[in-house]
Amino acid sequence: MQASEHHFHALAFVENLPLKELSVAYPGARRTLHELSFTVKLDGASDGSVFIYPFGAVVFQDVPPERRDVETARLRAARRGLTETAAVEGLRVLADQNCAPRIAGGVLTLDELTPDRAKVVALTVAQSAAMEYYERIVDDMFARTERIVNQLETRGTVPYRTRPLHRFIGTAIGTRNEVVSILHLLDKPDEAWEDPGMDRIYGELRAEFDLGDRYRSLELKLRSVQDSLELVLDVARDRRLVLLETIVVLLILSEIVLALTKMH
């Protein structure tokens, strides 16, 4: 059998993609709990495939750029309000029956690319694209938190207003919950359990995209952001409490002064 080359191209969006709603726009697609997939008819000898994931990622397998644009426009029509692409990821796969499964130089080599193996590859590439999107958000939050902490360090105080801090903490908690909610993405797919060769490749793919390390880094940064903001919020509350106590003392003193003035 002649060696064949395949290309996987992933797009990640800000919004989640509800598969049940989208399945109405893709009547011929196969829907599972974590994936909506369908075949794209092309002019060449082979067809392409599209995988849509609920965490906001789409993967194209062997779909040329112009057709990817068509399918992306179709997705936008089905999911109104979809923003611009937040992250992009890609992987080249070489299928050669004379080669053992391995990954080197950013190219995954398999003895055979079966439909189940294609699903595992597509999911891993989608995970990496989604992770890149979250990394950007968390890095921005980490930078904002650092500026607030630096202000506390240099000035020894924080602004009296706590509402912006409350909103920021809410955003941090919401983002952390979102990241935690994609934990199932890092679980081994069923197809990898059933295919020893793909099981090894799945582990190597995770290592190639640093999925485990990147996820742990996200968790640590989000925990650091949340802890730092809660500390800053405590300082702001203490400052407001001191101000309130000072006002109460001044009111009591003014009452005493007024009472003494009336006595004289």
Protein backbone atom coordinates (compact mmCIF):
# COMPACT_ATOMS: atom_id res chain seq x y z
CA MET A 1 0.00 0.00 0.00
CA GLN A 2 1.35 3.42 -0.94
CA ALA A 3 2.07 5.89 1.85
CA SER A 4 -0.47 8.67 2.24
CA GLU A 5 -0.30 12.07 3.90
CA HIS A 6 -3.09 13.64 5.94
CA HIS A 7 -3.55 17.08 7.44
CA PHE A 8 -5.50 18.03 10.56
CA HIS A 9 -6.39 21.69 11.07
CA ALA A 10 -8.13 22.88 14.25
CA LEU A 11 -9.93 26.14 15.02
CA ALA A 12 -10.93 27.19 18.54
CA PHE A 13 -13.64 29.74 19.28
CA VAL A 14 -14.56 31.70 22.41
CA GLU A 15 -18.06 30.25 22.52
CA ASN A 16 -19.04 26.69 23.32
CA LEU A 17 -20.76 24.74 20.55
CA PRO A 18 -24.01 22.98 21.59
CA LEU A 19 -23.96 19.79 19.55
CA LYS A 20 -27.67 19.09 19.91
CA GLU A 21 -28.61 22.46 18.44
CA LEU A 22 -25.99 22.25 15.71
CA SER A 23 -27.10 18.76 14.66
CA VAL A 24 -30.22 20.37 13.13
CA ALA A 25 -27.98 22.21 10.65
CA TYR A 26 -26.03 19.00 9.94
CA PRO A 27 -28.73 16.37 9.33
CA GLY A 28 -26.27 13.78 7.99
CA ALA A 29 -23.76 14.16 10.81
CA ARG A 30 -23.00 11.55 13.45
CA ARG A 31 -23.50 12.93 16.96
CA THR A 32 -22.14 11.51 20.19
CA LEU A 33 -21.98 13.06 23.65
CA HIS A 34 -18.64 14.78 22.95
CA GLU A 35 -18.47 15.07 19.17
CA LEU A 36 -20.36 15.94 16.00
CA SER A 37 -18.69 14.59 12.85
CA PHE A 38 -19.47 14.36 9.16
CA THR A 39 -17.83 13.72 5.81
CA VAL A 40 -17.06 16.46 3.30
CA LYS A 41 -17.32 15.46 -0.35
CA LEU A 42 -14.34 16.71 -2.33
CA ASP A 43 -13.44 16.65 -6.01
CA GLY A 44 -10.47 14.32 -5.47
CA ALA A 45 -10.39 10.57 -4.89
CA SER A 46 -10.75 10.87 -1.10
CA ASP A 47 -13.14 12.84 1.07
CA GLY A 48 -12.44 15.02 4.06
CA SER A 49 -13.87 14.94 7.56
CA VAL A 50 -15.04 17.58 10.02
CA PHE A 51 -15.17 17.13 13.80
CA ILE A 52 -17.06 19.63 15.98
CA TYR A 53 -16.54 19.60 19.75
CA PRO A 54 -18.76 21.18 22.43
CA PHE A 55 -15.84 23.02 24.05
CA GLY A 56 -15.67 25.35 21.05
CA ALA A 57 -13.26 23.63 18.66
CA VAL A 58 -13.58 22.39 15.08
CA VAL A 59 -11.09 20.07 13.36
CA PHE A 60 -10.81 19.57 9.61
CA GLN A 61 -9.17 16.41 8.30
CA ASP A 62 -7.89 16.59 4.73
CA VAL A 63 -10.12 19.56 3.92
CA PRO A 64 -8.49 22.20 1.69
CA PRO A 65 -8.43 25.84 2.90
CA GLU A 66 -11.13 27.08 0.54
CA ARG A 67 -13.51 24.35 1.67
CA ARG A 68 -12.63 25.01 5.30
CA ASP A 69 -13.79 28.58 4.78
CA VAL A 70 -17.09 27.30 3.38
CA GLU A 71 -17.63 24.97 6.34
CA THR A 72 -16.66 27.68 8.82
CA ALA A 73 -19.21 30.03 7.24
CA ARG A 74 -21.78 27.24 7.49
CA LEU A 75 -21.00 26.86 11.17
CA ARG A 76 -21.36 30.60 11.73
CA ALA A 77 -24.75 30.50 10.04
CA ALA A 78 -25.83 27.65 12.31
CA ARG A 79 -24.33 29.23 15.43
CA ARG A 80 -25.15 32.92 15.19
CA GLY A 81 -22.93 35.27 17.15
CA LEU A 82 -19.87 33.08 16.78
CA THR A 83 -16.78 35.27 17.20
CA GLU A 84 -13.56 35.22 15.25
CA THR A 85 -11.20 32.30 15.58
CA ALA A 86 -9.43 32.44 18.96
CA ALA A 87 -6.71 29.85 18.29
CA VAL A 88 -5.41 27.63 15.50
CA GLU A 89 -3.55 24.32 15.65
CA GLY A 90 -2.38 21.83 13.02
CA LEU A 91 -0.74 18.44 12.58
CA ARG A 92 0.59 16.45 9.63
CA VAL A 93 0.05 12.69 9.65
CA LEU A 94 1.90 10.19 7.46
CA ALA A 95 0.31 6.75 7.00
CA ASP A 96 2.86 4.13 5.91
CA GLN A 97 2.40 0.42 6.59
CA ASN A 98 6.18 -0.03 6.60
CA CYS A 99 6.63 2.38 9.53
CA ALA A 100 5.98 1.88 13.21
CA PRO A 101 3.80 4.46 15.00
CA ARG A 102 5.90 7.41 16.16
CA ILE A 103 5.94 11.19 16.20
CA ALA A 104 9.00 13.23 15.27
CA GLY A 105 9.60 16.70 13.89
CA GLY A 106 5.96 17.60 14.35
CA VAL A 107 4.86 14.77 12.02
CA LEU A 108 2.85 11.81 13.27
CA THR A 109 3.65 8.55 11.46
CA LEU A 110 1.22 5.63 11.59
CA ASP A 111 1.13 2.27 9.89
CA GLU A 112 -2.52 2.99 9.12
CA LEU A 113 -4.90 5.86 9.75
CA THR A 114 -8.21 4.22 10.58
CA PRO A 115 -11.39 6.25 11.27
CA ASP A 116 -11.03 5.56 15.01
CA ARG A 117 -7.41 6.70 14.98
CA ALA A 118 -8.42 9.82 13.07
CA LYS A 119 -10.89 10.61 15.86
CA VAL A 120 -8.15 10.36 18.48
CA VAL A 121 -5.82 12.59 16.46
CA ALA A 122 -8.57 15.14 15.81
CA LEU A 123 -9.53 15.26 19.49
CA THR A 124 -5.92 15.80 20.58
CA VAL A 125 -5.40 18.63 18.08
CA ALA A 126 -8.70 20.18 19.20
CA GLN A 127 -7.60 19.97 22.84
CA SER A 128 -4.37 21.80 22.03
CA ALA A 129 -6.22 24.58 20.20
CA ALA A 130 -8.71 25.00 23.05
CA MET A 131 -5.87 25.01 25.56
CA GLU A 132 -4.12 27.80 23.64
CA TYR A 133 -7.26 29.94 23.91
CA TYR A 134 -7.47 29.44 27.67
CA GLU A 135 -3.76 30.12 28.04
CA ARG A 136 -4.22 33.56 26.49
CA ILE A 137 -7.09 34.39 28.84
CA VAL A 138 -5.25 33.19 31.94
CA ASP A 139 -2.03 34.98 30.96
CA ASP A 140 -3.99 38.23 30.62
CA MET A 141 -5.65 37.70 34.02
CA PHE A 142 -2.28 36.86 35.55
CA ALA A 143 -0.80 40.10 34.17
CA ARG A 144 -3.74 42.17 35.49
CA THR A 145 -3.40 40.57 38.91
CA GLU A 146 0.33 41.28 38.94
CA ARG A 147 -0.35 44.97 38.29
CA ILE A 148 -2.78 45.12 41.23
CA VAL A 149 -0.34 43.35 43.54
CA ASN A 150 2.50 45.65 42.41
CA GLN A 151 0.33 48.64 43.27
CA LEU A 152 -0.19 47.19 46.74
CA GLU A 153 3.55 46.62 47.06
CA THR A 154 4.62 50.11 45.95
CA ARG A 155 1.83 52.19 47.53
CA GLY A 156 1.05 49.93 50.46
CA THR A 157 -2.64 50.30 49.76
CA VAL A 158 -5.41 49.51 47.30
CA PRO A 159 -8.39 51.51 45.98
CA TYR A 160 -11.43 51.86 48.24
CA ARG A 161 -13.78 50.52 45.59
CA THR A 162 -14.16 46.74 45.87
CA ARG A 163 -16.76 46.16 43.17
CA PRO A 164 -14.16 45.92 40.34
CA LEU A 165 -12.24 43.41 42.47
CA HIS A 166 -15.43 41.43 43.03
CA ARG A 167 -16.05 41.31 39.28
CA PHE A 168 -12.46 40.31 38.59
CA ILE A 169 -12.62 37.52 41.19
CA GLY A 170 -15.88 36.35 39.65
CA THR A 171 -14.21 36.24 36.24
CA ALA A 172 -11.28 34.28 37.65
CA ILE A 173 -13.56 31.75 39.33
CA GLY A 174 -15.68 31.42 36.19
CA THR A 175 -12.61 30.84 34.03
CA ARG A 176 -11.27 28.29 36.49
CA ASN A 177 -14.59 26.44 36.47
CA GLU A 178 -14.53 26.45 32.67
CA VAL A 179 -11.04 25.00 32.60
CA VAL A 180 -11.98 22.36 35.16
CA SER A 181 -15.08 21.51 33.13
CA ILE A 182 -12.87 20.41 30.21
CA LEU A 183 -11.09 17.85 32.37
CA HIS A 184 -12.87 15.11 30.46
CA LEU A 185 -10.94 16.25 27.40
CA LEU A 186 -7.77 14.98 29.00
CA ASP A 187 -9.23 11.54 29.65
CA LYS A 188 -8.06 8.84 27.30
CA PRO A 189 -10.55 8.32 24.42
CA ASP A 190 -12.23 4.93 24.11
CA GLU A 191 -10.57 4.42 20.72
CA ALA A 192 -7.15 4.60 22.35
CA TRP A 193 -8.07 1.96 24.92
CA GLU A 194 -9.09 -0.45 22.17
CA ASP A 195 -6.02 0.08 19.97
CA PRO A 196 -2.61 -0.60 21.60
CA GLY A 197 -0.79 1.19 18.78
CA MET A 198 -3.00 4.24 19.08
CA ASP A 199 -2.66 4.10 22.85
CA ARG A 200 1.08 4.71 22.50
CA ILE A 201 0.53 7.40 19.90
CA TYR A 202 -2.04 9.15 22.10
CA GLY A 203 0.54 9.37 24.87
CA GLU A 204 3.12 10.74 22.45
CA LEU A 205 0.64 13.21 21.01
CA ARG A 206 -0.16 14.51 24.50
CA ALA A 207 3.57 14.91 25.08
CA GLU A 208 4.04 16.60 21.68
CA PHE A 209 1.38 19.20 22.51
CA ASP A 210 2.36 19.34 26.23
CA LEU A 211 -1.30 18.97 27.18
CA GLY A 212 -0.68 17.72 30.71
CA ASP A 213 1.94 20.33 31.59
CA ARG A 214 -0.07 23.14 30.00
CA TYR A 215 -3.18 22.17 31.93
CA ARG A 216 -1.29 22.05 35.24
CA SER A 217 0.21 25.46 34.44
CA LEU A 218 -3.28 26.86 33.83
CA GLU A 219 -4.50 25.44 37.13
CA LEU A 220 -1.55 26.92 39.06
CA LYS A 221 -1.92 30.36 37.47
CA LEU A 222 -5.68 30.45 38.07
CA ARG A 223 -5.21 29.40 41.70
CA SER A 224 -2.53 32.06 42.12
CA VAL A 225 -4.78 34.72 40.56
CA GLN A 226 -7.70 33.78 42.81
CA ASP A 227 -5.59 33.69 45.99
CA SER A 228 -3.91 37.02 45.18
CA LEU A 229 -7.22 38.73 44.43
CA GLU A 230 -8.78 37.44 47.63
CA LEU A 231 -5.80 38.83 49.58
CA VAL A 232 -6.11 42.21 47.86
CA LEU A 233 -9.85 42.19 48.55
CA ASP A 234 -9.20 41.53 52.25
CA VAL A 235 -6.82 44.52 52.34
CA ALA A 236 -9.42 46.70 50.63
CA ARG A 237 -12.09 45.60 53.09
CA ASP A 238 -9.80 46.29 56.05
CA ARG A 239 -9.10 49.75 54.68
CA ARG A 240 -12.82 50.46 54.28
CA LEU A 241 -13.40 49.12 57.80
CA VAL A 242 -10.75 51.45 59.25
CA LEU A 243 -12.34 54.35 57.37
CA LEU A 244 -15.77 53.41 58.71
CA GLU A 245 -14.45 53.17 62.27
CA THR A 246 -12.76 56.56 61.89
CA ILE A 247 -16.02 58.10 60.70
CA VAL A 248 -17.89 56.58 63.66
CA VAL A 249 -15.29 57.97 66.10
CA LEU A 250 -15.51 61.42 64.48
CA LEU A 251 -19.31 61.35 64.73
CA ILE A 252 -19.11 60.45 68.42
CA LEU A 253 -16.60 63.24 69.03
CA SER A 254 -18.81 65.72 67.17
CA GLU A 255 -21.77 64.66 69.33
CA ILE A 256 -19.69 65.20 72.46
CA VAL A 257 -18.50 68.60 71.27
CA LEU A 258 -22.07 69.64 70.44
CA ALA A 259 -23.27 68.46 73.84
CA LEU A 260 -20.53 70.40 75.62
CA THR A 261 -21.28 73.48 73.53
CA LYS A 262 -24.96 73.37 74.56
CA MET A 263 -24.02 73.00 78.20
CA HIS A 264 -22.05 76.25 78.06
